[in-house]
PDB file of N, CA and C in Angstrom:
ATOM      1  N   MET A   1      93.671  91.642 103.287  1.00  0.00           N
ATOM      2  CA  MET A   1      92.198  91.670 103.983  1.00  0.00           C
ATOM      3  C   MET A   1      91.352  91.138 102.674  1.00  0.00           C
ATOM      4  N   THR A   2      90.419  90.144 102.500  1.00  0.00           N
ATOM      5  CA  THR A   2      89.948  90.072 101.084  1.00  0.00           C
ATOM      6  C   THR A   2      88.470  90.057 101.971  1.00  0.00           C
ATOM      7  N   ILE A   3      88.052  91.202 100.784  1.00  0.00           N
ATOM      8  CA  ILE A   3      86.276  91.702 100.961  1.00  0.00           C
ATOM      9  C   ILE A   3      85.849  91.265  99.875  1.00  0.00           C
ATOM     10  N   PHE A   4      84.640  90.705 100.277  1.00  0.00           N
ATOM     11  CA  PHE A   4      83.747  90.658  98.950  1.00  0.00           C
ATOM     12  C   PHE A   4      82.674  91.441  99.079  1.00  0.00           C
ATOM     13  N   TYR A   5      81.967  92.779  98.171  1.00  0.00           N
ATOM     14  CA  TYR A   5      81.176  93.588  98.664  1.00  0.00           C
ATOM     15  C   TYR A   5      80.134  93.175  97.510  1.00  0.00           C
ATOM     16  N   GLY A   6      79.954  92.165  97.103  1.00  0.00           N
ATOM     17  CA  GLY A   6      78.749  91.530  96.532  1.00  0.00           C
ATOM     18  C   GLY A   6      77.427  91.473  97.564  1.00  0.00           C
ATOM     19  N   GLY A   7      76.407  92.443  97.234  1.00  0.00           N
ATOM     20  CA  GLY A   7      75.438  92.431  98.271  1.00  0.00           C
ATOM     21  C   GLY A   7      75.298  93.423  99.220  1.00  0.00           C
ATOM     22  N   ARG A   8      76.202  93.730  99.347  1.00  0.00           N
ATOM     23  CA  ARG A   8      76.306  94.912 100.536  1.00  0.00           C
ATOM     24  C   ARG A   8      75.629  96.736 100.605  1.00  0.00           C
ATOM     25  N   LEU A   9      75.053  96.860 101.592  1.00  0.00           N
ATOM     26  CA  LEU A   9      74.573  98.520 101.392  1.00  0.00           C
ATOM     27  C   LEU A   9      74.899  98.914 102.470  1.00  0.00           C
ATOM     28  N   PHE A  10      75.279 100.455 101.988  1.00  0.00           N
ATOM     29  CA  PHE A  10      76.066 101.053 102.145  1.00  0.00           C
ATOM     30  C   PHE A  10      75.089 102.331 102.665  1.00  0.00           C
ATOM     31  N   LYS A  11      75.543 103.768 103.851  1.00  0.00           N
ATOM     32  CA  LYS A  11      75.116 104.791 103.488  1.00  0.00           C
ATOM     33  C   LYS A  11      76.119 105.676 104.020  1.00  0.00           C
ATOM     34  N   ALA A  12      75.971 106.743 103.616  1.00  0.00           N
ATOM     35  CA  ALA A  12      76.561 107.944 104.059  1.00  0.00           C
ATOM     36  C   ALA A  12      76.569 108.445 105.601  1.00  0.00           C
ATOM     37  N   VAL A  13      77.372 108.603 106.447  1.00  0.00           N
ATOM     38  CA  VAL A  13      77.575 108.953 107.943  1.00  0.00           C
ATOM     39  C   VAL A  13      77.968 109.933 108.016  1.00  0.00           C
ATOM     40  N   SER A  14      78.990 110.692 106.849  1.00  0.00           N
ATOM     41  CA  SER A  14      79.846 111.930 107.121  1.00  0.00           C
ATOM     42  C   SER A  14      79.964 112.117 105.517  1.00  0.00           C
ATOM     43  N   THR A  15      79.839 113.466 104.873  1.00  0.00           N
ATOM     44  CA  THR A  15      80.606 113.930 103.474  1.00  0.00           C
ATOM     45  C   THR A  15      80.548 115.430 103.443  1.00  0.00           C
ATOM     46  N   ASP A  16      81.827 115.914 102.844  1.00  0.00           N
ATOM     47  CA  ASP A  16      81.876 117.498 102.595  1.00  0.00           C
ATOM     48  C   ASP A  16      80.868 118.056 101.776  1.00  0.00           C
ATOM     49  N   ALA A  17      80.297 119.796 102.331  1.00  0.00           N
ATOM     50  CA  ALA A  17      79.447 120.038 101.714  1.00  0.00           C
ATOM     51  C   ALA A  17      79.495 120.213 100.461  1.00  0.00           C
ATOM     52  N   SER A  18      80.923 120.123  99.572  1.00  0.00           N
ATOM     53  CA  SER A  18      80.412 119.707  98.150  1.00  0.00           C
ATOM     54  C   SER A  18      79.899 118.344  97.762  1.00  0.00           C
ATOM     55  N   GLY A  19      79.955 117.703  98.442  1.00  0.00           N
ATOM     56  CA  GLY A  19      78.628 116.139  97.817  1.00  0.00           C
ATOM     57  C   GLY A  19      77.616 116.494  97.810  1.00  0.00           C
ATOM     58  N   ASP A  20      76.977 115.611  96.888  1.00  0.00           N
ATOM     59  CA  ASP A  20      75.770 115.421  96.615  1.00  0.00           C
ATOM     60  C   ASP A  20      74.577 114.400  97.568  1.00  0.00           C
ATOM     61  N   VAL A  21      75.195 113.746  97.864  1.00  0.00           N
ATOM     62  CA  VAL A  21      75.210 112.354  98.576  1.00  0.00           C
ATOM     63  C   VAL A  21      74.869 113.010 100.789  1.00  0.00           C
ATOM     64  N   ASP A  22      73.870 112.355 101.125  1.00  0.00           N
ATOM     65  CA  ASP A  22      73.435 112.456 102.594  1.00  0.00           C
ATOM     66  C   ASP A  22      73.024 111.133 103.159  1.00  0.00           C
ATOM     67  N   SER A  23      72.592 111.351 104.548  1.00  0.00           N
ATOM     68  CA  SER A  23      72.233 109.893 105.066  1.00  0.00           C
ATOM     69  C   SER A  23      71.000 109.330 104.572  1.00  0.00           C
ATOM     70  N   ASP A  24      70.695 109.756 103.279  1.00  0.00           N
ATOM     71  CA  ASP A  24      69.294 109.485 103.250  1.00  0.00           C
ATOM     72  C   ASP A  24      69.766 108.680 102.032  1.00  0.00           C
ATOM     73  N   THR A  25      71.028 108.627 101.467  1.00  0.00           N
ATOM     74  CA  THR A  25      71.573 107.990 100.044  1.00  0.00           C
ATOM     75  C   THR A  25      71.901 106.806 100.528  1.00  0.00           C
ATOM     76  N   ILE A  26      71.311 105.498  99.476  1.00  0.00           N
ATOM     77  CA  ILE A  26      71.878 104.035  99.567  1.00  0.00           C
ATOM     78  C   ILE A  26      72.504 103.562  99.033  1.00  0.00           C
ATOM     79  N   PHE A  27      73.259 103.021  98.954  1.00  0.00           N
ATOM     80  CA  PHE A  27      74.492 102.364  97.999  1.00  0.00           C
ATOM     81  C   PHE A  27      74.120 100.882  98.079  1.00  0.00           C
ATOM     82  N   SER A  28      74.028 100.808  96.969  1.00  0.00           N
ATOM     83  CA  SER A  28      73.894  99.002  96.977  1.00  0.00           C
ATOM     84  C   SER A  28      75.385  98.536  95.889  1.00  0.00           C
ATOM     85  N   TYR A  29      76.185  97.523  96.538  1.00  0.00           N
ATOM     86  CA  TYR A  29      77.168  97.279  95.386  1.00  0.00           C
ATOM     87  C   TYR A  29      76.798  95.972  95.112  1.00  0.00           C
ATOM     88  N   GLU A  30      77.515  95.305  94.013  1.00  0.00           N
ATOM     89  CA  GLU A  30      77.526  93.915  93.558  1.00  0.00           C
ATOM     90  C   GLU A  30      78.997  94.068  93.067  1.00  0.00           C
ATOM     91  N   GLN A  31      79.792  92.348  93.214  1.00  0.00           N
ATOM     92  CA  GLN A  31      81.012  92.400  92.819  1.00  0.00           C
ATOM     93  C   GLN A  31      81.177  91.289  91.907  1.00  0.00           C
ATOM     94  N   ARG A  32      81.996  91.370  90.786  1.00  0.00           N
ATOM     95  CA  ARG A  32      82.341  89.992  89.580  1.00  0.00           C
ATOM     96  C   ARG A  32      83.589  89.868  89.269  1.00  0.00           C
ATOM     97  N   GLY A  33      84.269  88.780  89.925  1.00  0.00           N
ATOM     98  CA  GLY A  33      85.879  89.063  90.204  1.00  0.00           C
ATOM     99  C   GLY A  33      86.463  90.163  91.128  1.00  0.00           C
ATOM    100  N   ASN A  34      87.466  90.876  90.518  1.00  0.00           N
ATOM    101  CA  ASN A  34      87.335  92.287  91.167  1.00  0.00           C
ATOM    102  C   ASN A  34      86.797  93.233  90.673  1.00  0.00           C
ATOM    103  N   ARG A  35      85.728  93.060  89.518  1.00  0.00           N
ATOM    104  CA  ARG A  35      84.750  94.214  89.362  1.00  0.00           C
ATOM    105  C   ARG A  35      84.060  94.604  90.110  1.00  0.00           C
ATOM    106  N   LEU A  36      83.794  95.862  90.466  1.00  0.00           N
ATOM    107  CA  LEU A  36      82.586  96.687  91.451  1.00  0.00           C
ATOM    108  C   LEU A  36      81.832  97.018  90.602  1.00  0.00           C
ATOM    109  N   ILE A  37      80.574  96.954  90.447  1.00  0.00           N
ATOM    110  CA  ILE A  37      79.317  97.550  89.941  1.00  0.00           C
ATOM    111  C   ILE A  37      78.298  98.014  91.216  1.00  0.00           C
ATOM    112  N   GLY A  38      77.469  99.095  91.303  1.00  0.00           N
ATOM    113  CA  GLY A  38      76.755  99.730  92.094  1.00  0.00           C
ATOM    114  C   GLY A  38      75.645 100.685  91.488  1.00  0.00           C
ATOM    115  N   SER A  39      74.736 100.997  92.713  1.00  0.00           N
ATOM    116  CA  SER A  39      73.754 101.996  92.033  1.00  0.00           C
ATOM    117  C   SER A  39      72.984 102.716  93.563  1.00  0.00           C
ATOM    118  N   TYR A  40      72.901 103.620  93.317  1.00  0.00           N
ATOM    119  CA  TYR A  40      72.614 104.395  94.642  1.00  0.00           C
ATOM    120  C   TYR A  40      71.281 105.280  94.384  1.00  0.00           C
ATOM    121  N   SER A  41      70.614 105.882  95.384  1.00  0.00           N
ATOM    122  CA  SER A  41      69.454 106.950  94.976  1.00  0.00           C
ATOM    123  C   SER A  41      69.019 107.081  96.747  1.00  0.00           C
ATOM    124  N   GLY A  42      68.322 108.141  96.557  1.00  0.00           N
ATOM    125  CA  GLY A  42      68.037 108.681  97.996  1.00  0.00           C
ATOM    126  C   GLY A  42      68.359 110.142  98.341  1.00  0.00           C
ATOM    127  N   GLY A  43      67.642 110.488  99.336  1.00  0.00           N
ATOM    128  CA  GLY A  43      68.362 112.196  99.118  1.00  0.00           C
ATOM    129  C   GLY A  43      68.049 113.217  98.280  1.00  0.00           C
ATOM    130  N   ASP A  44      69.325 113.706  97.542  1.00  0.00           N
ATOM    131  CA  ASP A  44      68.949 114.483  96.512  1.00  0.00           C
ATOM    132  C   ASP A  44      69.266 113.725  94.922  1.00  0.00           C
ATOM    133  N   ILE A  45      69.682 112.660  95.578  1.00  0.00           N
ATOM    134  CA  ILE A  45      70.178 111.569  94.561  1.00  0.00           C
ATOM    135  C   ILE A  45      68.774 111.011  93.600  1.00  0.00           C
ATOM    136  N   ASP A  46      68.229 111.284  92.588  1.00  0.00           N
ATOM    137  CA  ASP A  46      67.335 110.437  91.636  1.00  0.00           C
ATOM    138  C   ASP A  46      67.920 109.219  91.331  1.00  0.00           C
ATOM    139  N   PHE A  47      68.948 108.763  90.969  1.00  0.00           N
ATOM    140  CA  PHE A  47      69.837 108.057  90.141  1.00  0.00           C
ATOM    141  C   PHE A  47      71.134 107.981  90.155  1.00  0.00           C
ATOM    142  N   GLY A  48      72.010 106.782  90.277  1.00  0.00           N
ATOM    143  CA  GLY A  48      73.275 106.963  90.448  1.00  0.00           C
ATOM    144  C   GLY A  48      73.656 105.171  89.988  1.00  0.00           C
ATOM    145  N   SER A  49      75.227 105.386  89.240  1.00  0.00           N
ATOM    146  CA  SER A  49      75.960 104.096  89.347  1.00  0.00           C
ATOM    147  C   SER A  49      77.134 103.891  89.136  1.00  0.00           C
ATOM    148  N   ILE A  50      77.843 103.185  89.837  1.00  0.00           N
ATOM    149  CA  ILE A  50      79.199 103.152  89.895  1.00  0.00           C
ATOM    150  C   ILE A  50      79.869 101.687  88.906  1.00  0.00           C
ATOM    151  N   ILE A  51      80.944 102.134  88.610  1.00  0.00           N
ATOM    152  CA  ILE A  51      81.743 100.674  87.981  1.00  0.00           C
ATOM    153  C   ILE A  51      83.045 101.009  88.629  1.00  0.00           C
ATOM    154  N   GLY A  52      83.760 100.171  88.871  1.00  0.00           N
ATOM    155  CA  GLY A  52      85.360 100.081  89.225  1.00  0.00           C
ATOM    156  C   GLY A  52      85.915  98.752  89.590  1.00  0.00           C
ATOM    157  N   LEU A  53      86.862  98.795  90.523  1.00  0.00           N
ATOM    158  CA  LEU A  53      88.181  97.673  90.631  1.00  0.00           C
ATOM    159  C   LEU A  53      87.538  98.019  91.930  1.00  0.00           C
ATOM    160  N   VAL A  54      88.302  96.418  92.456  1.00  0.00           N
ATOM    161  CA  VAL A  54      88.226  95.976  94.103  1.00  0.00           C
ATOM    162  C   VAL A  54      89.918  95.394  93.925  1.00  0.00           C
ATOM    163  N   ALA A  55      90.557  96.027  94.777  1.00  0.00           N
ATOM    164  CA  ALA A  55      92.161  95.891  94.978  1.00  0.00           C
ATOM    165  C   ALA A  55      92.459  94.735  95.942  1.00  0.00           C
ATOM    166  N   SER A  56      93.373  93.764  95.646  1.00  0.00           N
ATOM    167  CA  SER A  56      93.481  92.579  96.736  1.00  0.00           C
ATOM    168  C   SER A  56      93.249  92.889  98.200  1.00  0.00           C
ATOM    169  N   ASP A  57      93.741  94.303  99.015  1.00  0.00           N
ATOM    170  CA  ASP A  57      93.367  94.641  99.772  1.00  0.00           C
ATOM    171  C   ASP A  57      92.615  95.334 100.426  1.00  0.00           C
ATOM    172  N   GLY A  58      91.185  94.824  99.109  1.00  0.00           N
ATOM    173  CA  GLY A  58      89.500  95.343  99.802  1.00  0.00           C
ATOM    174  C   GLY A  58      89.651  97.185  99.413  1.00  0.00           C
ATOM    175  N   SER A  59      90.755  97.560  99.100  1.00  0.00           N
ATOM    176  CA  SER A  59      90.267  99.386  98.620  1.00  0.00           C
ATOM    177  C   SER A  59      89.509  99.392  97.225  1.00  0.00           C
ATOM    178  N   LEU A  60      89.117  99.940  97.199  1.00  0.00           N
ATOM    179  CA  LEU A  60      87.971 100.296  95.640  1.00  0.00           C
ATOM    180  C   LEU A  60      88.526 101.489  94.995  1.00  0.00           C
ATOM    181  N   GLU A  61      88.993 101.258  93.904  1.00  0.00           N
ATOM    182  CA  GLU A  61      88.511 102.727  92.586  1.00  0.00           C
ATOM    183  C   GLU A  61      87.589 102.690  91.541  1.00  0.00           C
ATOM    184  N   PHE A  62      86.677 103.352  91.812  1.00  0.00           N
ATOM    185  CA  PHE A  62      85.763 103.600  90.540  1.00  0.00           C
ATOM    186  C   PHE A  62      85.690 105.141  90.242  1.00  0.00           C
ATOM    187  N   PHE A  63      84.476 104.967  89.049  1.00  0.00           N
ATOM    188  CA  PHE A  63      83.766 105.795  88.314  1.00  0.00           C
ATOM    189  C   PHE A  63      82.727 105.942  88.881  1.00  0.00           C
ATOM    190  N   TYR A  64      82.309 107.589  89.529  1.00  0.00           N
ATOM    191  CA  TYR A  64      80.647 107.586  89.529  1.00  0.00           C
ATOM    192  C   TYR A  64      79.689 108.261  88.473  1.00  0.00           C
ATOM    193  N   HIS A  65      78.318 108.241  88.227  1.00  0.00           N
ATOM    194  CA  HIS A  65      77.791 109.237  87.810  1.00  0.00           C
ATOM    195  C   HIS A  65      76.364 109.218  88.504  1.00  0.00           C
ATOM    196  N   HIS A  66      75.874 110.610  88.744  1.00  0.00           N
ATOM    197  CA  HIS A  66      74.060 110.350  88.897  1.00  0.00           C
ATOM    198  C   HIS A  66      73.521 111.638  88.657  1.00  0.00           C
ATOM    199  N   VAL A  67      72.111 111.615  88.405  1.00  0.00           N
ATOM    200  CA  VAL A  67      71.352 112.549  88.220  1.00  0.00           C
ATOM    201  C   VAL A  67      70.486 113.160  89.853  1.00  0.00           C
ATOM    202  N   THR A  68      70.481 114.387  89.754  1.00  0.00           N
ATOM    203  CA  THR A  68      69.769 115.049  91.011  1.00  0.00           C
ATOM    204  C   THR A  68      68.407 114.970  90.988  1.00  0.00           C
ATOM    205  N   LYS A  69      67.885 115.034  91.734  1.00  0.00           N
ATOM    206  CA  LYS A  69      66.161 115.182  91.277  1.00  0.00           C
ATOM    207  C   LYS A  69      65.794 116.436  91.049  1.00  0.00           C
ATOM    208  N   SER A  70      66.715 117.422  90.937  1.00  0.00           N
ATOM    209  CA  SER A  70      66.434 118.543  90.440  1.00  0.00           C
ATOM    210  C   SER A  70      67.030 118.393  88.971  1.00  0.00           C
ATOM    211  N   GLY A  71      67.331 117.504  88.412  1.00  0.00           N
ATOM    212  CA  GLY A  71      68.062 117.048  87.088  1.00  0.00           C
ATOM    213  C   GLY A  71      69.199 117.712  86.788  1.00  0.00           C
ATOM    214  N   VAL A  72      70.124 117.976  87.777  1.00  0.00           N
ATOM    215  CA  VAL A  72      71.495 118.191  87.427  1.00  0.00           C
ATOM    216  C   VAL A  72      72.597 116.406  87.394  1.00  0.00           C
ATOM    217  N   LEU A  73      73.244 116.732  86.186  1.00  0.00           N
ATOM    218  CA  LEU A  73      73.660 115.370  85.605  1.00  0.00           C
ATOM    219  C   LEU A  73      75.666 115.715  86.315  1.00  0.00           C
ATOM    220  N   ARG A  74      75.632 114.581  86.811  1.00  0.00           N
ATOM    221  CA  ARG A  74      77.252 114.990  87.569  1.00  0.00           C
ATOM    222  C   ARG A  74      77.824 113.650  87.875  1.00  0.00           C
ATOM    223  N   ALA A  75      79.362 113.995  87.551  1.00  0.00           N
ATOM    224  CA  ALA A  75      80.172 112.483  87.808  1.00  0.00           C
ATOM    225  C   ALA A  75      81.512 112.702  88.070  1.00  0.00           C
ATOM    226  N   GLY A  76      82.180 111.650  88.960  1.00  0.00           N
ATOM    227  CA  GLY A  76      83.553 111.794  89.524  1.00  0.00           C
ATOM    228  C   GLY A  76      84.015 110.782  89.266  1.00  0.00           C
ATOM    229  N   ARG A  77      85.458 110.378  89.921  1.00  0.00           N
ATOM    230  CA  ARG A  77      86.434 109.309  90.408  1.00  0.00           C
ATOM    231  C   ARG A  77      86.556 109.690  91.681  1.00  0.00           C
ATOM    232  N   CYS A  78      86.511 108.388  92.631  1.00  0.00           N
ATOM    233  CA  CYS A  78      86.640 107.853  94.067  1.00  0.00           C
ATOM    234  C   CYS A  78      87.456 106.460  94.600  1.00  0.00           C
ATOM    235  N   GLU A  79      87.768 106.904  95.556  1.00  0.00           N
ATOM    236  CA  GLU A  79      88.953 106.072  96.032  1.00  0.00           C
ATOM    237  C   GLU A  79      88.891 105.517  97.625  1.00  0.00           C
ATOM    238  N   SER A  80      88.433 104.497  97.645  1.00  0.00           N
ATOM    239  CA  SER A  80      87.633 104.271  99.073  1.00  0.00           C
ATOM    240  C   SER A  80      88.856 103.452  99.562  1.00  0.00           C
ATOM    241  N   THR A  81      89.497 103.398 101.193  1.00  0.00           N
ATOM    242  CA  THR A  81      89.490 102.705 102.138  1.00  0.00           C
ATOM    243  C   THR A  81      89.013 101.821 102.739  1.00  0.00           C
ATOM    244  N   PRO A  82      88.807 100.798 103.243  1.00  0.00           N
ATOM    245  CA  PRO A  82      87.838 100.005 104.025  1.00  0.00           C
ATOM    246  C   PRO A  82      88.526 100.044 105.163  1.00  0.00           C
ATOM    247  N   GLU A  83      87.215  99.960 106.069  1.00  0.00           N
ATOM    248  CA  GLU A  83      87.775  99.677 107.674  1.00  0.00           C
ATOM    249  C   GLU A  83      86.831  98.776 107.961  1.00  0.00           C
ATOM    250  N   VAL A  84      87.032  97.331 108.923  1.00  0.00           N
ATOM    251  CA  VAL A  84      86.171  96.746 109.244  1.00  0.00           C
ATOM    252  C   VAL A  84      85.954  96.600 110.962  1.00  0.00           C
ATOM    253  N   LEU A  85      84.999  97.319 111.299  1.00  0.00           N
ATOM    254  CA  LEU A  85      84.684  97.557 112.237  1.00  0.00           C
ATOM    255  C   LEU A  85      84.581  95.932 113.126  1.00  0.00           C
ATOM    256  N   ALA A  86      84.542  96.363 114.427  1.00  0.00           N
ATOM    257  CA  ALA A  86      84.360  95.466 115.465  1.00  0.00           C
ATOM    258  C   ALA A  86      83.096  94.040 115.136  1.00  0.00           C
ATOM    259  N   SER A  87      81.926  94.926 114.790  1.00  0.00           N
ATOM    260  CA  SER A  87      80.813  94.017 114.046  1.00  0.00           C
ATOM    261  C   SER A  87      80.992  93.153 112.975  1.00  0.00           C
ATOM    262  N   GLY A  88      81.847  93.085 112.182  1.00  0.00           N
ATOM    263  CA  GLY A  88      81.962  92.779 111.083  1.00  0.00           C
ATOM    264  C   GLY A  88      81.784  93.306 110.150  1.00  0.00           C
ATOM    265  N   LYS A  89      80.551  94.616 110.215  1.00  0.00           N
ATOM    266  CA  LYS A  89      80.289  95.514 109.003  1.00  0.00           C
ATOM    267  C   LYS A  89      81.672  96.614 108.508  1.00  0.00           C
ATOM    268  N   ILE A  90      81.528  97.333 107.536  1.00  0.00           N
ATOM    269  CA  ILE A  90      82.647  97.605 106.826  1.00  0.00           C
ATOM    270  C   ILE A  90      82.004  99.572 106.633  1.00  0.00           C
ATOM    271  N   ARG A  91      83.641 100.250 107.064  1.00  0.00           N
ATOM    272  CA  ARG A  91      83.213 101.793 106.585  1.00  0.00           C
ATOM    273  C   ARG A  91      84.383 101.607 105.638  1.00  0.00           C
ATOM    274  N   LEU A  92      83.942 102.851 105.317  1.00  0.00           N
ATOM    275  CA  LEU A  92      84.393 103.205 103.400  1.00  0.00           C
ATOM    276  C   LEU A  92      85.256 104.664 103.997  1.00  0.00           C
ATOM    277  N   HIS A  93      86.299 104.666 103.644  1.00  0.00           N
ATOM    278  CA  HIS A  93      87.036 106.155 103.863  1.00  0.00           C
ATOM    279  C   HIS A  93      87.012 106.493 102.680  1.00  0.00           C
ATOM    280  N   GLU A  94      86.278 107.587 102.070  1.00  0.00           N
ATOM    281  CA  GLU A  94      86.344 108.000 100.410  1.00  0.00           C
ATOM    282  C   GLU A  94      86.994 109.355 100.525  1.00  0.00           C
ATOM    283  N   ARG A  95      87.873 109.111  99.154  1.00  0.00           N
ATOM    284  CA  ARG A  95      88.203 110.351  98.601  1.00  0.00           C
ATOM    285  C   ARG A  95      87.582 110.278  97.571  1.00  0.00           C
ATOM    286  N   TRP A  96      87.302 111.950  96.659  1.00  0.00           N
ATOM    287  CA  TRP A  96      86.335 111.432  95.750  1.00  0.00           C
ATOM    288  C   TRP A  96      86.855 113.026  95.053  1.00  0.00           C
ATOM    289  N   LYS A  97      86.636 112.831  93.626  1.00  0.00           N
ATOM    290  CA  LYS A  97      86.957 114.501  92.774  1.00  0.00           C
ATOM    291  C   LYS A  97      86.202 114.240  92.040  1.00  0.00           C
ATOM    292  N   TRP A  98      84.743 115.406  91.795  1.00  0.00           N
ATOM    293  CA  TRP A  98      84.089 115.730  90.813  1.00  0.00           C
ATOM    294  C   TRP A  98      85.300 115.966  89.581  1.00  0.00           C
ATOM    295  N   PHE A  99      84.529 115.370  88.276  1.00  0.00           N
ATOM    296  CA  PHE A  99      84.746 116.079  87.075  1.00  0.00           C
ATOM    297  C   PHE A  99      84.718 117.183  86.927  1.00  0.00           C
ATOM    298  N   GLY A 100      85.739 118.045  86.889  1.00  0.00           N
ATOM    299  CA  GLY A 100      85.324 119.881  86.544  1.00  0.00           C
ATOM    300  C   GLY A 100      85.183 120.280  87.524  1.00  0.00           C
ATOM    301  N   GLY A 101      85.171 119.406  88.758  1.00  0.00           N
ATOM    302  CA  GLY A 101      85.084 120.876  90.041  1.00  0.00           C
ATOM    303  C   GLY A 101      85.486 120.198  91.454  1.00  0.00           C
ATOM    304  N   PRO A 102      85.632 120.083  92.508  1.00  0.00           N
ATOM    305  CA  PRO A 102      86.219 119.661  93.772  1.00  0.00           C
ATOM    306  C   PRO A 102      86.325 119.023  93.823  1.00  0.00           C
ATOM    307  N   ARG A 103      87.229 118.436  95.084  1.00  0.00           N
ATOM    308  CA  ARG A 103      87.852 117.182  96.066  1.00  0.00           C
ATOM    309  C   ARG A 103      86.668 117.207  97.035  1.00  0.00           C
ATOM    310  N   GLY A 104      86.780 115.791  97.476  1.00  0.00           N
ATOM    311  CA  GLY A 104      86.005 116.051  98.701  1.00  0.00           C
ATOM    312  C   GLY A 104      86.390 114.564  99.207  1.00  0.00           C
ATOM    313  N   LYS A 105      85.986 114.574 100.934  1.00  0.00           N
ATOM    314  CA  LYS A 105      86.261 113.373 101.319  1.00  0.00           C
ATOM    315  C   LYS A 105      84.378 112.840 102.074  1.00  0.00           C
ATOM    316  N   SER A 106      84.449 111.315 101.718  1.00  0.00           N
ATOM    317  CA  SER A 106      82.855 111.169 102.517  1.00  0.00           C
ATOM    318  C   SER A 106      83.079 109.889 103.680  1.00  0.00           C
ATOM    319  N   VAL A 107      82.398 109.100 103.986  1.00  0.00           N
ATOM    320  CA  VAL A 107      82.704 108.629 104.959  1.00  0.00           C
ATOM    321  C   VAL A 107      81.134 107.344 104.891  1.00  0.00           C
ATOM    322  N   LEU A 108      81.289 106.132 104.405  1.00  0.00           N
ATOM    323  CA  LEU A 108      79.891 105.370 104.385  1.00  0.00           C
ATOM    324  C   LEU A 108      80.065 104.235 105.253  1.00  0.00           C
ATOM    325  N   GLU A 109      79.101 103.635 105.646  1.00  0.00           N
ATOM    326  CA  GLU A 109      79.134 102.875 106.739  1.00  0.00           C
ATOM    327  C   GLU A 109      78.080 101.408 106.073  1.00  0.00           C
ATOM    328  N   GLU A 110      78.380 100.633 106.159  1.00  0.00           N
ATOM    329  CA  GLU A 110      77.497  99.132 105.912  1.00  0.00           C
ATOM    330  C   GLU A 110      76.319  99.060 107.008  1.00  0.00           C
ATOM    331  N   LEU A 111      75.337  98.981 105.820  1.00  0.00           N
ATOM    332  CA  LEU A 111      73.520  99.177 107.005  1.00  0.00           C
ATOM    333  C   LEU A 111      73.698  97.398 107.440  1.00  0.00           C
TER     334      LEU A 111
END
């Protein structure tokens, strides 16, 4: 499955309680070759960024870091598995882990 993530926007539709993002957090992705870069903000997130890789099956592996509106700096690693919906939009099933902290799961959907 070939998925190009450049120019796509996503938002969280579910996340574990140990996560900082919520449905007000918007993710903006860009892609250069198999390189993924992105930014995100909204909800409790003041600003965050992503850098990672897109596999040939469309799955993602990336590092993320952000600053919350209360001034807390956090970072971690995420693996995302895409699901192409009937509408053609993408749902991402994410498994993440904070550096020095817990693991969690989230689901993002393309806007």
